[in-house]
Amino acid sequence: MNGRGAIYLASHAYAVEGMDAAAATALIDQLMQAATAPGASYLHPWRKGDVVIWDNRATMHRGRPWPAHEARLMIRTTISATSADGLDAMRMPSSQAAE
């Protein structure tokens, strides 16, 4: 951990804990505009043989249309997931898992 704060944001965000709905929606919209502004995003120009890897936990990403007649191979991998990565916060408490 580097001690810097982070915002987890995606197109499915709909609320901010502790904020009223209108203020939260306005904040989410403002953050999404900043995160997707020209120069703040990357669109990969695919070429045969390319491999692209990103940290799914820290990168907003969106699939793009792909011609159905063109083959593609997609593989997901998990490199590490530890307490330092926030794993404990993602685990369901054992009392809930038994329900």
C-alpha atoms as a PDB file:
ATOM      1  CA  MET A   1       0.000   0.000   0.000  1.00  0.00           C
ATOM      2  CA  ASN A   2       1.291   3.435  -0.847  1.00  0.00           C
ATOM      3  CA  GLY A   3      -0.917   5.393   1.555  1.00  0.00           C
ATOM      4  CA  ARG A   4      -2.679   7.264  -1.241  1.00  0.00           C
ATOM      5  CA  GLY A   5      -6.459   7.380  -1.328  1.00  0.00           C
ATOM      6  CA  ALA A   6      -8.400   5.769  -4.143  1.00  0.00           C
ATOM      7  CA  ILE A   7     -11.871   6.002  -5.621  1.00  0.00           C
ATOM      8  CA  TYR A   8     -13.493   2.848  -6.927  1.00  0.00           C
ATOM      9  CA  LEU A   9     -15.682   4.080  -9.749  1.00  0.00           C
ATOM     10  CA  ALA A  10     -17.519   2.390 -12.587  1.00  0.00           C
ATOM     11  CA  SER A  11     -20.537   2.939 -14.787  1.00  0.00           C
ATOM     12  CA  HIS A  12     -22.698   0.882 -12.412  1.00  0.00           C
ATOM     13  CA  ALA A  13     -22.010   3.227  -9.449  1.00  0.00           C
ATOM     14  CA  TYR A  14     -25.308   4.651  -8.217  1.00  0.00           C
ATOM     15  CA  ALA A  15     -24.801   5.982  -4.683  1.00  0.00           C
ATOM     16  CA  VAL A  16     -22.275   7.341  -2.205  1.00  0.00           C
ATOM     17  CA  GLU A  17     -22.669   6.218   1.374  1.00  0.00           C
ATOM     18  CA  GLY A  18     -23.568   9.174   3.589  1.00  0.00           C
ATOM     19  CA  MET A  19     -24.675  11.472   0.731  1.00  0.00           C
ATOM     20  CA  ASP A  20     -28.200  12.251  -0.408  1.00  0.00           C
ATOM     21  CA  ALA A  21     -29.105  10.755  -3.784  1.00  0.00           C
ATOM     22  CA  ALA A  22     -28.993  13.970  -5.842  1.00  0.00           C
ATOM     23  CA  ALA A  23     -25.596  15.052  -4.506  1.00  0.00           C
ATOM     24  CA  ALA A  24     -24.209  11.536  -4.950  1.00  0.00           C
ATOM     25  CA  THR A  25     -25.427  11.318  -8.545  1.00  0.00           C
ATOM     26  CA  ALA A  26     -23.884  14.700  -9.327  1.00  0.00           C
ATOM     27  CA  LEU A  27     -20.561  13.666  -7.778  1.00  0.00           C
ATOM     28  CA  ILE A  28     -20.523  10.326  -9.618  1.00  0.00           C
ATOM     29  CA  ASP A  29     -21.294  12.084 -12.906  1.00  0.00           C
ATOM     30  CA  GLN A  30     -18.485  14.598 -12.314  1.00  0.00           C
ATOM     31  CA  LEU A  31     -15.994  11.848 -11.453  1.00  0.00           C
ATOM     32  CA  MET A  32     -17.008   9.757 -14.490  1.00  0.00           C
ATOM     33  CA  GLN A  33     -16.560  12.762 -16.779  1.00  0.00           C
ATOM     34  CA  ALA A  34     -13.078  13.387 -15.381  1.00  0.00           C
ATOM     35  CA  ALA A  35     -12.104   9.704 -15.553  1.00  0.00           C
ATOM     36  CA  THR A  36     -13.259   9.329 -19.166  1.00  0.00           C
ATOM     37  CA  ALA A  37     -12.182  12.746 -20.488  1.00  0.00           C
ATOM     38  CA  PRO A  38      -9.984  12.868 -23.576  1.00  0.00           C
ATOM     39  CA  GLY A  39      -6.433  12.058 -22.555  1.00  0.00           C
ATOM     40  CA  ALA A  40      -7.508  10.144 -19.442  1.00  0.00           C
ATOM     41  CA  SER A  41      -8.312   6.875 -21.183  1.00  0.00           C
ATOM     42  CA  TYR A  42      -6.647   4.362 -23.456  1.00  0.00           C
ATOM     43  CA  LEU A  43      -8.192   2.634 -26.456  1.00  0.00           C
ATOM     44  CA  HIS A  44      -6.035  -0.215 -27.700  1.00  0.00           C
ATOM     45  CA  PRO A  45      -5.579  -0.461 -31.487  1.00  0.00           C
ATOM     46  CA  TRP A  46      -5.650  -4.269 -31.729  1.00  0.00           C
ATOM     47  CA  ARG A  47      -3.203  -6.090 -33.969  1.00  0.00           C
ATOM     48  CA  LYS A  48      -2.675  -9.796 -34.431  1.00  0.00           C
ATOM     49  CA  GLY A  49      -0.634 -11.240 -31.574  1.00  0.00           C
ATOM     50  CA  ASP A  50      -1.364  -8.447 -29.074  1.00  0.00           C
ATOM     51  CA  VAL A  51      -1.694  -9.206 -25.375  1.00  0.00           C
ATOM     52  CA  VAL A  52      -3.199  -6.635 -23.011  1.00  0.00           C
ATOM     53  CA  ILE A  53      -3.105  -6.987 -19.231  1.00  0.00           C
ATOM     54  CA  TRP A  54      -4.686  -4.693 -16.648  1.00  0.00           C
ATOM     55  CA  ASP A  55      -5.385  -4.724 -12.939  1.00  0.00           C
ATOM     56  CA  ASN A  56      -9.085  -5.493 -12.832  1.00  0.00           C
ATOM     57  CA  ARG A  57      -9.284  -4.095  -9.284  1.00  0.00           C
ATOM     58  CA  ALA A  58      -7.893  -0.677 -10.140  1.00  0.00           C
ATOM     59  CA  THR A  59      -8.826   0.024 -13.764  1.00  0.00           C
ATOM     60  CA  MET A  60     -12.153   1.046 -15.237  1.00  0.00           C
ATOM     61  CA  HIS A  61     -12.566  -0.939 -18.411  1.00  0.00           C
ATOM     62  CA  ARG A  62     -15.254  -1.691 -20.922  1.00  0.00           C
ATOM     63  CA  GLY A  63     -15.550  -4.318 -23.597  1.00  0.00           C
ATOM     64  CA  ARG A  64     -15.829  -3.105 -27.158  1.00  0.00           C
ATOM     65  CA  PRO A  65     -17.873  -4.620 -29.982  1.00  0.00           C
ATOM     66  CA  TRP A  66     -16.040  -7.455 -31.712  1.00  0.00           C
ATOM     67  CA  PRO A  67     -16.961  -8.892 -35.124  1.00  0.00           C
ATOM     68  CA  ALA A  68     -18.555 -12.284 -34.459  1.00  0.00           C
ATOM     69  CA  HIS A  69     -16.733 -13.885 -37.404  1.00  0.00           C
ATOM     70  CA  GLU A  70     -13.277 -12.976 -35.993  1.00  0.00           C
ATOM     71  CA  ALA A  71     -11.691 -15.321 -33.470  1.00  0.00           C
ATOM     72  CA  ARG A  72     -10.413 -14.029 -30.155  1.00  0.00           C
ATOM     73  CA  LEU A  73      -9.037 -15.628 -27.029  1.00  0.00           C
ATOM     74  CA  MET A  74      -9.638 -14.144 -23.612  1.00  0.00           C
ATOM     75  CA  ILE A  75      -8.041 -15.545 -20.461  1.00  0.00           C
ATOM     76  CA  ARG A  76      -8.466 -14.268 -16.925  1.00  0.00           C
ATOM     77  CA  THR A  77      -5.751 -14.733 -14.352  1.00  0.00           C
ATOM     78  CA  THR A  78      -5.283 -13.678 -10.734  1.00  0.00           C
ATOM     79  CA  ILE A  79      -1.709 -12.847  -9.876  1.00  0.00           C
ATOM     80  CA  SER A  80      -2.091 -12.055  -6.178  1.00  0.00           C
ATOM     81  CA  ALA A  81      -4.804 -11.324  -3.700  1.00  0.00           C
ATOM     82  CA  THR A  82      -3.681 -10.599  -0.164  1.00  0.00           C
ATOM     83  CA  SER A  83      -4.818  -8.590   2.828  1.00  0.00           C
ATOM     84  CA  ALA A  84      -2.677  -5.697   1.520  1.00  0.00           C
ATOM     85  CA  ASP A  85      -4.707  -5.837  -1.712  1.00  0.00           C
ATOM     86  CA  GLY A  86      -7.929  -5.488   0.272  1.00  0.00           C
ATOM     87  CA  LEU A  87      -8.866  -9.167   0.102  1.00  0.00           C
ATOM     88  CA  ASP A  88     -10.195  -9.250   3.671  1.00  0.00           C
ATOM     89  CA  ALA A  89     -12.681  -6.493   2.847  1.00  0.00           C
ATOM     90  CA  MET A  90     -13.989  -8.565  -0.090  1.00  0.00           C
ATOM     91  CA  ARG A  91     -14.503 -11.779   1.864  1.00  0.00           C
ATOM     92  CA  MET A  92     -17.922 -12.623   3.192  1.00  0.00           C
ATOM     93  CA  PRO A  93     -17.886 -12.983   6.988  1.00  0.00           C
ATOM     94  CA  SER A  94     -18.041 -16.673   7.930  1.00  0.00           C
ATOM     95  CA  SER A  95     -21.290 -16.053   9.837  1.00  0.00           C
ATOM     96  CA  GLN A  96     -22.949 -14.953   6.568  1.00  0.00           C
ATOM     97  CA  ALA A  97     -21.358 -17.687   4.449  1.00  0.00           C
ATOM     98  CA  ALA A  98     -23.084 -20.366   6.539  1.00  0.00           C
ATOM     99  CA  GLU A  99     -26.570 -18.938   5.956  1.00  0.00           C
END
